Every structure is written in C-alpha cells, then in structure tokens.
Amino acid sequence: MQKLLLATTALIASATLANAQAFTVSGEGRMGVQYNSTGIAGGSNYQIEHRLTLDFNVAVEADHGLTFGAWTRARMQMGGGTPVIFNSNQTGTFSGSRVWVEASGLRLTFGNMDGAIATAGTSHGWLGGCMVGYEGGMWCGDSAGLDTAVQTEPLVGPAPAQRLMVTYAIGNTNIAVSHDRGAATEIGIQSSFDAVTVALGYANQTIVGSWTAGAALWTLSGHYNGGAWGVGAVVARSNSITNWSLSGNVGLGGGDFYAYVGRVNGDNTYGLNYGYGLGGGATLTAGAERIGGVTNTTVASVGVAFTF
C-alpha cells in the first residue's frame, strides 16, 4: 500500500511538473512622468504613470511534430490615456486570447494578435518605429502612420472579431497573411541579408488613422544594423498620400541614442530618445516627439521600464 501511495504521488508530481514546464509568465513593469503640450487631463500638461503587465503563455508539444500554444495578458495601470491626474485609483483587465498550432515553420493563429504588416511587413522597431519613450512609443511618428492604419493587437480588452493569421518562416525570410472576417486582409514579407533587413507590406484596406478608412495601403521599409549603430527608413502610401520616416541609432555614453524625422499626413514630425541600461533588464529612458501642422503637439516622458 505504501509503495502504491509513493508511486501515485510521484506520478502526480511528474504530471504537475510537465504542465508547469508548458506554462510560463513573463511581463514588464514601468513607471515615469509624461508631458503633453496640449494637456492630458485635469487641466495639467503632466501626469505620473505606472503599469504592470503579465503575459501568460502556454505551449504543448503534440505528436506528429505539432506544437500548440495559447496566450493572454493581464494589465494593471494608473495613468495613460485620459486618467485623472495623480489619481490613486488603478484599473486592471485581461486582454483577448490567441491560440495557435505550428508545424515545420508554418503557424496558424486565431484570436488577439498583430496583423501581417506588424508581424512581417516592416523591417525594424514596431511598424518601423515606436522607439521613443520608456513606453515604447509615445506618438509613434516614426511609424509613418502605420500604427493607426493597420491590424494591431488590442493590448487589453476585447479582441478583434474573428481574426486569423498564417505565418511561415524559411531561412531568414518571414511571410505572414492575416484576415479580419468581413474586413481587411494584410500581407507581410520580411527578409534579412547579413546586416540588412528589408520588408514589404500590403493591406487591401486601412482600418482608421492618417489615411481614408477603407483605402488600400502598401509599405516598404529597410534597416541596416552596423552593430553599435544603425539606420532605417519606412515609406507608406494610401489614397495618394505618402508618409515616411528616416531613423538612426548609435551607442553613446554607455547607452543608446535614437532620432528620427518624418512626415505623417502632410505634417512634419521628429523625435529624440536616449536609453541607458541599468542591468537586470531595466532601462532608464528619456524621449520627446514633436508633430507640427494642425496637430502642433509636443510629447515627452522620462521613466524606467524593466522586463522579466
């Protein structure tokens, strides 16, 4: 009886360990002060902000070379968006989920995720930019307007209705096709050649943003990684409007200095950013962006973000 009990206990412990190995939690913590020249809320141009993000990942290896996975996110935050300045109240919510199956580099995903252009249709950054500020993009003027025009993953709250994507990786080339039922279809192709990465993206209709909703869109981008420095460019065009950005980064004073200039929907935009690694996955970052024209807005922030 004692041997049976020990054997049963060992079996349960083994099953629990196997499940634990298939489940991981990663995330990010951040805190900082943000500035907006047009005002944020409560009649002030400044606000404090902090956030904790937890990503829950599941991966299971089945027979016949199949791998299944799933993901969802929990986020607790104060500040950002349009909160009451210095309000001590915090909000917390889960994102929509995604589930996928993969075999031999071919993956089919259903649910909450970035579309094909954000996945494989740009060569650097997120959509070719969003690299100013500890937030990972305050204004995202360096994305040439793509951040508001293509399929993106809602970070929290309801997921897109019936989104699916197919991705395939072969060597240094990634191909992605995504579709929202009854809405946009996107195609993205990205390939690397030594230090050079190039990418091409196409959407049969834009979502919202700088261009007319519903018009077709294409984007071309490239990036050169010189080790301690790099340069990148992205061009996006829809409905006879061309947006663009040029960016560069260089190691400076033990950290990394980044700058860009561009044009979004006829308005000039530019940004500067400096990030200094503190060790342990933590980075101290200060950045500012400016967009002219009708918008005529300057945003800036200084803060610390760490990943785990």
Protein backbone atom coordinates (compact mmCIF):
# COMPACT_ATOMS: atom_id res chain seq x y z
CA MET A 1 0.00 0.00 0.00
CA GLN A 2 2.85 2.32 0.90
CA LYS A 3 4.59 1.59 -2.43
CA LEU A 4 1.36 2.29 -4.31
CA LEU A 5 0.93 5.58 -2.47
CA LEU A 6 4.51 6.60 -3.27
CA ALA A 7 4.10 5.65 -6.92
CA THR A 8 0.83 7.61 -7.17
CA THR A 9 2.42 10.65 -5.52
CA ALA A 10 5.37 10.51 -7.92
CA LEU A 11 3.03 10.25 -10.92
CA ILE A 12 1.03 13.29 -9.81
CA ALA A 13 4.22 15.26 -9.16
CA SER A 14 5.55 14.30 -12.61
CA ALA A 15 2.33 15.41 -14.34
CA THR A 16 2.32 18.69 -12.41
CA LEU A 17 5.95 19.36 -13.41
CA ALA A 18 5.20 18.67 -17.07
CA ASN A 19 2.30 21.10 -17.02
CA ALA A 20 4.40 23.71 -15.25
CA GLN A 21 7.08 23.44 -17.94
CA ALA A 22 4.43 24.18 -20.58
CA PHE A 23 3.23 27.31 -18.76
CA THR A 24 5.31 30.49 -18.40
CA VAL A 25 4.71 34.02 -17.15
CA SER A 26 6.64 37.00 -18.48
CA GLY A 27 5.96 40.69 -18.42
CA GLU A 28 7.00 44.28 -17.88
CA GLY A 29 6.90 46.86 -15.13
CA ARG A 30 7.34 50.57 -15.74
CA MET A 31 6.96 53.98 -14.10
CA GLY A 32 7.51 57.53 -15.23
CA VAL A 33 6.35 61.09 -15.81
CA GLN A 34 4.67 62.11 -19.09
CA TYR A 35 4.18 65.53 -20.72
CA ASN A 36 1.75 66.65 -23.45
CA SER A 37 1.78 70.27 -24.65
CA THR A 38 -1.94 70.21 -25.45
CA GLY A 39 -2.89 68.93 -21.99
CA ILE A 40 -3.65 65.45 -20.71
CA ALA A 41 -6.42 65.68 -18.11
CA GLY A 42 -7.46 67.75 -15.11
CA GLY A 43 -6.09 70.93 -16.70
CA SER A 44 -2.45 69.79 -16.47
CA ASN A 45 0.21 69.04 -19.05
CA TYR A 46 1.88 66.43 -16.79
CA GLN A 47 0.90 63.12 -15.29
CA ILE A 48 2.57 60.25 -13.47
CA GLU A 49 2.08 56.78 -14.90
CA HIS A 50 2.90 53.24 -13.90
CA ARG A 51 2.00 49.83 -15.27
CA LEU A 52 2.40 46.14 -14.57
CA THR A 53 1.88 43.72 -17.45
CA LEU A 54 1.75 39.93 -17.08
CA ASP A 55 1.82 37.71 -20.17
CA PHE A 56 0.57 34.15 -19.69
CA ASN A 57 1.94 31.68 -22.25
CA VAL A 58 1.11 28.01 -22.78
CA ALA A 59 2.98 25.66 -25.13
CA VAL A 60 2.27 21.96 -25.68
CA GLU A 61 4.19 19.62 -27.97
CA ALA A 62 1.89 17.02 -29.52
CA ASP A 63 2.58 14.07 -31.79
CA HIS A 64 3.49 14.25 -35.49
CA GLY A 65 5.62 17.38 -35.00
CA LEU A 66 2.68 19.59 -33.99
CA THR A 67 3.03 22.33 -31.37
CA PHE A 68 0.04 24.05 -29.80
CA GLY A 69 0.15 27.32 -27.88
CA ALA A 70 -2.02 29.98 -26.30
CA TRP A 71 -1.56 33.45 -24.80
CA THR A 72 -3.40 36.11 -22.84
CA ARG A 73 -2.37 39.24 -20.94
CA ALA A 74 -3.31 40.92 -17.66
CA ARG A 75 -2.55 44.60 -17.15
CA MET A 76 -2.80 46.85 -14.10
CA GLN A 77 -2.21 50.55 -14.76
CA MET A 78 -2.52 54.09 -13.47
CA GLY A 79 -2.20 56.92 -15.95
CA GLY A 80 -2.06 56.67 -19.72
CA GLY A 81 -4.98 57.51 -21.95
CA THR A 82 -7.17 60.09 -20.24
CA PRO A 83 -6.95 59.46 -16.48
CA VAL A 84 -7.43 61.95 -13.68
CA ILE A 85 -4.01 63.44 -12.92
CA PHE A 86 -2.29 61.86 -9.91
CA ASN A 87 -5.36 59.73 -9.22
CA SER A 88 -4.51 56.84 -6.89
CA ASN A 89 -7.15 54.58 -8.47
CA GLN A 90 -5.83 51.80 -10.69
CA THR A 91 -7.50 49.70 -13.35
CA GLY A 92 -6.83 46.07 -14.18
CA THR A 93 -8.12 43.94 -17.03
CA PHE A 94 -7.35 40.94 -19.24
CA SER A 95 -6.81 41.03 -22.98
CA GLY A 96 -8.44 38.78 -25.52
CA SER A 97 -6.61 35.49 -26.10
CA ARG A 98 -4.97 33.80 -29.05
CA VAL A 99 -4.41 30.13 -29.81
CA TRP A 100 -2.16 28.60 -32.46
CA VAL A 101 -0.90 25.37 -33.99
CA GLU A 102 2.52 25.09 -35.67
CA ALA A 103 4.45 22.51 -37.68
CA SER A 104 7.68 22.82 -39.71
CA GLY A 105 7.74 26.63 -39.51
CA LEU A 106 4.10 27.01 -40.60
CA ARG A 107 1.81 28.51 -37.94
CA LEU A 108 -1.95 29.12 -37.93
CA THR A 109 -3.21 31.54 -35.26
CA PHE A 110 -6.73 32.55 -34.25
CA GLY A 111 -7.55 35.44 -31.94
CA ASN A 112 -5.92 38.55 -30.50
CA MET A 113 -2.67 39.41 -32.34
CA ASP A 114 -0.96 41.95 -34.56
CA GLY A 115 -1.70 41.57 -38.26
CA ALA A 116 0.67 40.60 -41.06
CA ILE A 117 2.18 44.07 -41.57
CA ALA A 118 3.11 44.45 -37.89
CA THR A 119 4.36 40.85 -37.81
CA ALA A 120 6.43 40.63 -41.00
CA GLY A 121 5.70 43.69 -43.14
CA THR A 122 8.19 46.12 -41.56
CA SER A 123 11.95 45.85 -41.14
CA HIS A 124 12.63 47.36 -37.71
CA GLY A 125 11.03 48.52 -34.48
CA TRP A 126 7.28 48.03 -34.19
CA LEU A 127 5.74 49.00 -37.53
CA GLY A 128 9.02 50.67 -38.44
CA GLY A 129 9.15 52.84 -35.34
CA CYS A 130 7.55 53.44 -31.92
CA MET A 131 11.02 53.73 -30.38
CA VAL A 132 10.72 56.99 -28.40
CA GLY A 133 9.97 56.99 -24.67
CA TYR A 134 10.07 54.38 -21.92
CA GLU A 135 6.55 53.43 -23.04
CA GLY A 136 7.84 52.06 -26.34
CA GLY A 137 6.33 54.80 -28.46
CA MET A 138 4.53 57.92 -27.25
CA TRP A 139 3.41 59.42 -30.55
CA CYS A 140 4.93 56.81 -32.89
CA GLY A 141 5.58 59.38 -35.59
CA ASP A 142 8.45 57.19 -36.77
CA SER A 143 5.96 54.50 -37.83
CA ALA A 144 4.80 56.70 -40.74
CA GLY A 145 1.18 56.47 -39.60
CA LEU A 146 1.04 52.67 -39.75
CA ASP A 147 0.27 52.36 -36.03
CA THR A 148 -3.30 53.65 -36.57
CA ALA A 149 -3.97 52.25 -40.05
CA VAL A 150 -3.23 48.51 -39.97
CA GLN A 151 -4.29 45.48 -37.94
CA THR A 152 -2.85 45.67 -34.42
CA GLU A 153 -3.32 43.70 -31.23
CA PRO A 154 -5.57 45.35 -28.62
CA LEU A 155 -3.29 45.19 -25.57
CA VAL A 156 -6.21 44.85 -23.19
CA GLY A 157 -9.97 44.47 -23.52
CA PRO A 158 -11.94 42.79 -26.31
CA ALA A 159 -10.03 41.09 -29.11
CA PRO A 160 -10.64 41.69 -32.84
CA ALA A 161 -13.65 39.84 -34.20
CA GLN A 162 -12.59 36.58 -35.86
CA ARG A 163 -9.00 37.44 -36.81
CA LEU A 164 -6.75 34.74 -38.21
CA MET A 165 -3.18 34.72 -39.47
CA VAL A 166 -0.87 32.28 -41.25
CA THR A 167 2.90 32.73 -40.87
CA TYR A 168 5.75 30.81 -42.44
CA ALA A 169 9.48 31.06 -41.72
CA ILE A 170 12.06 29.75 -44.16
CA GLY A 171 15.69 30.63 -43.56
CA ASN A 172 15.96 34.39 -42.98
CA THR A 173 12.59 35.11 -44.60
CA ASN A 174 9.26 35.51 -42.79
CA ILE A 175 5.90 35.57 -44.58
CA ALA A 176 2.56 36.46 -42.98
CA VAL A 177 -1.04 36.73 -44.19
CA SER A 178 -3.80 37.93 -41.85
CA HIS A 179 -7.53 38.50 -42.23
CA ASP A 180 -10.34 40.04 -40.21
CA ARG A 181 -13.62 38.44 -41.24
CA GLY A 182 -15.61 40.91 -43.32
CA ALA A 183 -12.78 43.46 -43.17
CA ALA A 184 -9.10 43.88 -44.06
CA THR A 185 -6.62 41.35 -45.41
CA GLU A 186 -2.88 42.02 -44.96
CA ILE A 187 0.30 40.53 -46.41
CA GLY A 188 3.80 41.00 -44.99
CA ILE A 189 7.18 39.73 -46.22
CA GLN A 190 10.45 40.33 -44.35
CA SER A 191 13.92 39.07 -45.24
CA SER A 192 17.43 39.60 -43.83
CA PHE A 193 20.73 39.59 -45.71
CA ASP A 194 23.64 39.80 -43.27
CA ALA A 195 23.26 43.28 -41.66
CA VAL A 196 20.42 44.41 -43.95
CA THR A 197 16.71 43.72 -43.39
CA VAL A 198 14.03 44.67 -45.92
CA ALA A 199 10.26 44.28 -45.70
CA LEU A 200 7.16 44.82 -47.82
CA GLY A 201 3.57 45.09 -46.58
CA TYR A 202 0.16 45.39 -48.26
CA ALA A 203 -3.39 45.81 -46.93
CA ASN A 204 -6.47 45.80 -49.14
CA GLN A 205 -8.00 48.42 -46.83
CA THR A 206 -6.88 50.63 -43.95
CA ILE A 207 -8.56 50.46 -40.55
CA VAL A 208 -8.52 54.08 -39.30
CA GLY A 209 -5.91 56.77 -38.91
CA SER A 210 -3.93 59.04 -41.21
CA TRP A 211 -5.49 57.84 -44.45
CA THR A 212 -9.06 57.34 -45.61
CA ALA A 213 -10.55 54.28 -43.92
CA GLY A 214 -11.12 51.51 -46.43
CA ALA A 215 -8.44 52.55 -48.94
CA ALA A 216 -5.69 50.10 -49.92
CA LEU A 217 -2.24 50.60 -48.36
CA TRP A 218 1.31 49.47 -49.04
CA THR A 219 4.56 49.97 -47.17
CA LEU A 220 8.24 49.40 -47.90
CA SER A 221 11.00 49.57 -45.27
CA GLY A 222 14.66 48.75 -44.75
CA HIS A 223 17.18 48.73 -41.91
CA TYR A 224 20.95 48.41 -41.64
CA ASN A 225 22.43 47.10 -38.37
CA GLY A 226 26.04 48.20 -38.02
CA GLY A 227 26.44 46.80 -34.51
CA ALA A 228 26.99 49.95 -32.44
CA TRP A 229 24.85 51.96 -34.86
CA GLY A 230 22.02 51.52 -37.32
CA VAL A 231 19.83 53.37 -39.83
CA GLY A 232 16.31 52.69 -41.03
CA ALA A 233 13.66 54.01 -43.42
CA VAL A 234 9.96 53.34 -43.90
CA VAL A 235 7.54 54.58 -46.58
CA ALA A 236 3.78 54.03 -46.50
CA ARG A 237 1.27 55.11 -49.14
CA SER A 238 -2.53 55.05 -49.31
CA ASN A 239 -5.12 57.07 -51.24
CA SER A 240 -2.46 59.30 -52.91
CA ILE A 241 -0.92 60.23 -49.53
CA THR A 242 2.68 59.20 -48.81
CA ASN A 243 4.04 59.07 -45.26
CA TRP A 244 7.68 58.38 -44.43
CA SER A 245 10.33 58.37 -41.72
CA LEU A 246 14.13 58.15 -41.51
CA SER A 247 15.72 56.99 -38.26
CA GLY A 248 19.08 56.17 -36.76
CA ASN A 249 20.63 54.96 -33.53
CA VAL A 250 24.15 54.98 -32.09
CA GLY A 251 25.81 53.84 -28.87
CA LEU A 252 26.58 56.88 -26.72
CA GLY A 253 27.87 57.23 -23.17
CA GLY A 254 27.12 53.62 -22.27
CA GLY A 255 23.56 53.92 -23.58
CA ASP A 256 21.77 54.19 -26.93
CA PHE A 257 20.78 57.45 -28.67
CA TYR A 258 17.94 57.33 -31.23
CA ALA A 259 16.48 60.02 -33.50
CA TYR A 260 14.05 60.22 -36.41
CA VAL A 261 12.49 62.70 -38.83
CA GLY A 262 9.39 62.07 -40.91
CA ARG A 263 6.12 63.20 -42.39
CA VAL A 264 2.65 61.92 -41.44
CA ASN A 265 -0.43 63.02 -43.39
CA GLY A 266 1.28 66.23 -44.52
CA ASP A 267 2.67 67.15 -41.07
CA ASN A 268 6.37 67.14 -40.25
CA THR A 269 7.35 65.08 -37.21
CA TYR A 270 10.59 64.28 -35.40
CA GLY A 271 11.77 62.69 -32.16
CA LEU A 272 14.79 62.10 -29.90
CA ASN A 273 15.37 59.34 -27.36
CA TYR A 274 18.12 58.16 -25.02
CA GLY A 275 18.05 54.85 -23.15
CA TYR A 276 20.56 53.75 -20.51
CA GLY A 277 20.66 50.13 -19.38
CA LEU A 278 20.66 49.73 -15.59
CA GLY A 279 21.17 45.95 -15.66
CA GLY A 280 18.75 43.19 -14.81
CA GLY A 281 16.55 44.02 -17.79
CA ALA A 282 15.87 47.60 -16.58
CA THR A 283 16.35 50.69 -18.76
CA LEU A 284 16.15 54.39 -17.86
CA THR A 285 14.75 56.30 -20.84
CA ALA A 286 14.05 59.93 -21.72
CA GLY A 287 12.41 60.91 -25.01
CA ALA A 288 10.42 63.59 -26.82
CA GLU A 289 8.44 63.82 -30.07
CA ARG A 290 7.03 66.75 -32.00
CA ILE A 291 4.43 66.89 -34.75
CA GLY A 292 3.59 70.17 -36.49
CA GLY A 293 0.75 71.29 -38.71
CA VAL A 294 -2.79 71.22 -37.37
CA THR A 295 -1.83 68.84 -34.55
CA ASN A 296 1.01 71.11 -33.30
CA THR A 297 1.84 68.91 -30.30
CA THR A 298 4.94 68.03 -28.29
CA VAL A 299 5.03 64.95 -26.06
CA ALA A 300 7.83 63.85 -23.74
CA SER A 301 8.50 61.40 -20.96
CA VAL A 302 11.17 60.12 -18.59
CA GLY A 303 10.89 56.79 -16.81
CA VAL A 304 12.17 53.31 -16.07
CA ALA A 305 10.92 50.04 -17.60
CA PHE A 306 12.06 46.52 -16.79
CA THR A 307 11.20 43.16 -18.29
CA PHE A 308 11.10 39.76 -16.63
